[in-house]
């Protein structure tokens, strides 16, 4: 791991607060979805598969990070959303369907925006 960017990323992840990690996961899901879309457009099927597999792994991490004790029904709602996203990513990967990827990216961007607003509200309450 001599790549300075990789070192920076590793430190950033290891020092991030849990709520910031969620934002990073959302950003990663969008990034790899867009890479997969580009790969499909350029007929690079293996690259598309690898990127969509990364999106699926990110969604798995989001699912594992749900806190049912504190989140209750909200966590359960997010589980259903993540489950839907995961099924759509699998479908996009099998069919190499750009429209499905666009749908996934749109939902993830909405989730990211909502999460960002929740973080702002939480910070205001802490102040």
C-alpha atoms as a PDB file:
ATOM      1  CA  UNK A   1       0.000   0.000   0.000  1.00  0.00           C
ATOM      2  CA  UNK A   2       2.443   2.637  -1.208  1.00  0.00           C
ATOM      3  CA  UNK A   3      -0.250   4.633  -2.980  1.00  0.00           C
ATOM      4  CA  UNK A   4      -0.732   7.894  -1.019  1.00  0.00           C
ATOM      5  CA  UNK A   5      -4.409   8.054  -2.001  1.00  0.00           C
ATOM      6  CA  UNK A   6      -5.024   4.564  -0.615  1.00  0.00           C
ATOM      7  CA  UNK A   7      -3.225   5.496   2.606  1.00  0.00           C
ATOM      8  CA  UNK A   8      -5.304   8.664   2.911  1.00  0.00           C
ATOM      9  CA  UNK A   9      -8.514   6.736   2.275  1.00  0.00           C
ATOM     10  CA  UNK A  10      -7.613   4.110   4.875  1.00  0.00           C
ATOM     11  CA  UNK A  11      -6.936   6.785   7.515  1.00  0.00           C
ATOM     12  CA  UNK A  12     -10.113   8.667   6.580  1.00  0.00           C
ATOM     13  CA  UNK A  13     -12.230   5.537   6.992  1.00  0.00           C
ATOM     14  CA  UNK A  14     -10.583   4.437  10.232  1.00  0.00           C
ATOM     15  CA  UNK A  15     -11.070   7.845  11.851  1.00  0.00           C
ATOM     16  CA  UNK A  16     -14.566   8.648  10.559  1.00  0.00           C
ATOM     17  CA  UNK A  17     -17.586   8.785  12.831  1.00  0.00           C
ATOM     18  CA  UNK A  18     -20.262   6.142  12.122  1.00  0.00           C
ATOM     19  CA  UNK A  19     -22.607   8.686  10.545  1.00  0.00           C
ATOM     20  CA  UNK A  20     -19.810   9.832   8.228  1.00  0.00           C
ATOM     21  CA  UNK A  21     -19.143   6.219   7.233  1.00  0.00           C
ATOM     22  CA  UNK A  22     -22.732   5.946   6.017  1.00  0.00           C
ATOM     23  CA  UNK A  23     -22.175   8.987   3.798  1.00  0.00           C
ATOM     24  CA  UNK A  24     -18.963   7.416   2.486  1.00  0.00           C
ATOM     25  CA  UNK A  25     -20.838   4.192   1.708  1.00  0.00           C
ATOM     26  CA  UNK A  26     -23.511   6.110  -0.194  1.00  0.00           C
ATOM     27  CA  UNK A  27     -20.799   7.977  -2.114  1.00  0.00           C
ATOM     28  CA  UNK A  28     -19.048   4.716  -2.922  1.00  0.00           C
ATOM     29  CA  UNK A  29     -22.257   3.119  -4.145  1.00  0.00           C
ATOM     30  CA  UNK A  30     -22.859   6.034  -6.517  1.00  0.00           C
ATOM     31  CA  UNK A  31     -19.238   6.013  -7.679  1.00  0.00           C
ATOM     32  CA  UNK A  32     -19.157   2.296  -8.466  1.00  0.00           C
ATOM     33  CA  UNK A  33     -22.620   2.405 -10.045  1.00  0.00           C
ATOM     34  CA  UNK A  34     -21.433   5.106 -12.401  1.00  0.00           C
ATOM     35  CA  UNK A  35     -18.281   3.128 -13.192  1.00  0.00           C
ATOM     36  CA  UNK A  36     -20.437   0.079 -13.954  1.00  0.00           C
ATOM     37  CA  UNK A  37     -22.678   2.139 -16.202  1.00  0.00           C
ATOM     38  CA  UNK A  38     -19.654   3.466 -18.081  1.00  0.00           C
ATOM     39  CA  UNK A  39     -18.262  -0.065 -18.401  1.00  0.00           C
ATOM     40  CA  UNK A  40     -21.559  -1.339 -19.842  1.00  0.00           C
ATOM     41  CA  UNK A  41     -21.613   1.512 -22.347  1.00  0.00           C
ATOM     42  CA  UNK A  42     -18.071   0.543 -23.383  1.00  0.00           C
ATOM     43  CA  UNK A  43     -18.882  -3.200 -23.567  1.00  0.00           C
ATOM     44  CA  UNK A  44     -16.512  -4.002 -20.670  1.00  0.00           C
ATOM     45  CA  UNK A  45     -18.711  -6.659 -19.123  1.00  0.00           C
ATOM     46  CA  UNK A  46     -16.231  -7.960 -16.529  1.00  0.00           C
ATOM     47  CA  UNK A  47     -15.510  -4.421 -15.303  1.00  0.00           C
ATOM     48  CA  UNK A  48     -19.245  -3.738 -15.052  1.00  0.00           C
ATOM     49  CA  UNK A  49     -19.720  -6.944 -13.082  1.00  0.00           C
ATOM     50  CA  UNK A  50     -16.899  -6.076 -10.671  1.00  0.00           C
ATOM     51  CA  UNK A  51     -18.250  -2.583 -10.030  1.00  0.00           C
ATOM     52  CA  UNK A  52     -21.809  -3.774  -9.499  1.00  0.00           C
ATOM     53  CA  UNK A  53     -20.487  -6.438  -7.117  1.00  0.00           C
ATOM     54  CA  UNK A  54     -18.879  -3.610  -5.148  1.00  0.00           C
ATOM     55  CA  UNK A  55     -22.206  -1.761  -5.034  1.00  0.00           C
ATOM     56  CA  UNK A  56     -23.849  -4.928  -3.755  1.00  0.00           C
ATOM     57  CA  UNK A  57     -21.160  -5.265  -1.056  1.00  0.00           C
ATOM     58  CA  UNK A  58     -21.714  -1.654  -0.015  1.00  0.00           C
ATOM     59  CA  UNK A  59     -25.442  -2.271   0.312  1.00  0.00           C
ATOM     60  CA  UNK A  60     -24.638  -5.323   2.451  1.00  0.00           C
ATOM     61  CA  UNK A  61     -22.547  -3.079   4.721  1.00  0.00           C
ATOM     62  CA  UNK A  62     -25.399  -0.593   4.990  1.00  0.00           C
ATOM     63  CA  UNK A  63     -27.750  -3.430   5.943  1.00  0.00           C
ATOM     64  CA  UNK A  64     -25.328  -4.762   8.561  1.00  0.00           C
ATOM     65  CA  UNK A  65     -24.944  -1.289  10.046  1.00  0.00           C
ATOM     66  CA  UNK A  66     -28.625  -0.843  10.847  1.00  0.00           C
ATOM     67  CA  UNK A  67     -29.278  -0.362  14.561  1.00  0.00           C
ATOM     68  CA  UNK A  68     -32.681  -1.843  15.361  1.00  0.00           C
ATOM     69  CA  UNK A  69     -32.368  -1.027  19.053  1.00  0.00           C
ATOM     70  CA  UNK A  70     -32.131   2.714  18.470  1.00  0.00           C
ATOM     71  CA  UNK A  71     -33.727   2.870  15.018  1.00  0.00           C
ATOM     72  CA  UNK A  72     -36.734   0.620  15.524  1.00  0.00           C
ATOM     73  CA  UNK A  73     -39.221   0.989  12.683  1.00  0.00           C
ATOM     74  CA  UNK A  74     -36.956   3.397  10.798  1.00  0.00           C
ATOM     75  CA  UNK A  75     -34.183   0.784  10.698  1.00  0.00           C
ATOM     76  CA  UNK A  76     -36.701  -1.763   9.467  1.00  0.00           C
ATOM     77  CA  UNK A  77     -37.812   0.646   6.717  1.00  0.00           C
ATOM     78  CA  UNK A  78     -34.194   1.155   5.656  1.00  0.00           C
ATOM     79  CA  UNK A  79     -33.712  -2.614   5.571  1.00  0.00           C
ATOM     80  CA  UNK A  80     -36.554  -2.889   3.069  1.00  0.00           C
ATOM     81  CA  UNK A  81     -35.088  -0.096   0.942  1.00  0.00           C
ATOM     82  CA  UNK A  82     -31.625  -1.667   1.005  1.00  0.00           C
ATOM     83  CA  UNK A  83     -33.087  -5.066   0.172  1.00  0.00           C
ATOM     84  CA  UNK A  84     -34.874  -3.550  -2.821  1.00  0.00           C
ATOM     85  CA  UNK A  85     -31.671  -1.799  -3.941  1.00  0.00           C
ATOM     86  CA  UNK A  86     -29.693  -5.016  -3.639  1.00  0.00           C
ATOM     87  CA  UNK A  87     -32.205  -6.928  -5.765  1.00  0.00           C
ATOM     88  CA  UNK A  88     -32.137  -4.161  -8.380  1.00  0.00           C
ATOM     89  CA  UNK A  89     -28.317  -4.137  -8.462  1.00  0.00           C
ATOM     90  CA  UNK A  90     -28.325  -7.900  -9.009  1.00  0.00           C
ATOM     91  CA  UNK A  91     -30.851  -7.452 -11.804  1.00  0.00           C
ATOM     92  CA  UNK A  92     -28.787  -4.655 -13.352  1.00  0.00           C
ATOM     93  CA  UNK A  93     -25.746  -6.893 -13.226  1.00  0.00           C
ATOM     94  CA  UNK A  94     -27.438  -9.904 -14.775  1.00  0.00           C
ATOM     95  CA  UNK A  95     -29.086  -7.871 -17.548  1.00  0.00           C
ATOM     96  CA  UNK A  96     -26.388  -5.165 -17.804  1.00  0.00           C
ATOM     97  CA  UNK A  97     -29.262  -2.689 -17.634  1.00  0.00           C
ATOM     98  CA  UNK A  98     -28.272   0.973 -17.434  1.00  0.00           C
ATOM     99  CA  UNK A  99     -31.826   2.140 -16.634  1.00  0.00           C
ATOM    100  CA  UNK A 100     -31.866  -0.004 -13.497  1.00  0.00           C
ATOM    101  CA  UNK A 101     -28.489   1.416 -12.471  1.00  0.00           C
ATOM    102  CA  UNK A 102     -29.880   4.927 -12.939  1.00  0.00           C
ATOM    103  CA  UNK A 103     -32.829   4.035 -10.703  1.00  0.00           C
ATOM    104  CA  UNK A 104     -30.489   2.695  -7.997  1.00  0.00           C
ATOM    105  CA  UNK A 105     -28.289   5.787  -8.171  1.00  0.00           C
ATOM    106  CA  UNK A 106     -31.334   8.049  -7.854  1.00  0.00           C
ATOM    107  CA  UNK A 107     -32.540   6.256  -4.733  1.00  0.00           C
ATOM    108  CA  UNK A 108     -29.080   6.256  -3.176  1.00  0.00           C
ATOM    109  CA  UNK A 109     -28.684   9.972  -3.853  1.00  0.00           C
ATOM    110  CA  UNK A 110     -32.038  10.591  -2.149  1.00  0.00           C
ATOM    111  CA  UNK A 111     -30.945   8.501   0.840  1.00  0.00           C
ATOM    112  CA  UNK A 112     -27.646  10.390   0.997  1.00  0.00           C
ATOM    113  CA  UNK A 113     -29.421  13.733   0.960  1.00  0.00           C
ATOM    114  CA  UNK A 114     -31.814  12.621   3.698  1.00  0.00           C
ATOM    115  CA  UNK A 115     -28.941  11.269   5.777  1.00  0.00           C
ATOM    116  CA  UNK A 116     -27.039  14.542   5.349  1.00  0.00           C
ATOM    117  CA  UNK A 117     -30.048  16.518   6.573  1.00  0.00           C
ATOM    118  CA  UNK A 118     -30.414  14.195   9.565  1.00  0.00           C
ATOM    119  CA  UNK A 119     -26.724  14.722  10.410  1.00  0.00           C
ATOM    120  CA  UNK A 120     -27.206  18.509  10.317  1.00  0.00           C
ATOM    121  CA  UNK A 121     -30.224  18.294  12.625  1.00  0.00           C
ATOM    122  CA  UNK A 122     -28.359  16.016  15.032  1.00  0.00           C
ATOM    123  CA  UNK A 123     -25.379  18.393  15.152  1.00  0.00           C
ATOM    124  CA  UNK A 124     -27.682  21.320  15.921  1.00  0.00           C
ATOM    125  CA  UNK A 125     -29.242  19.395  18.803  1.00  0.00           C
ATOM    126  CA  UNK A 126     -25.774  18.586  20.191  1.00  0.00           C
ATOM    127  CA  UNK A 127     -24.727  22.241  20.121  1.00  0.00           C
END
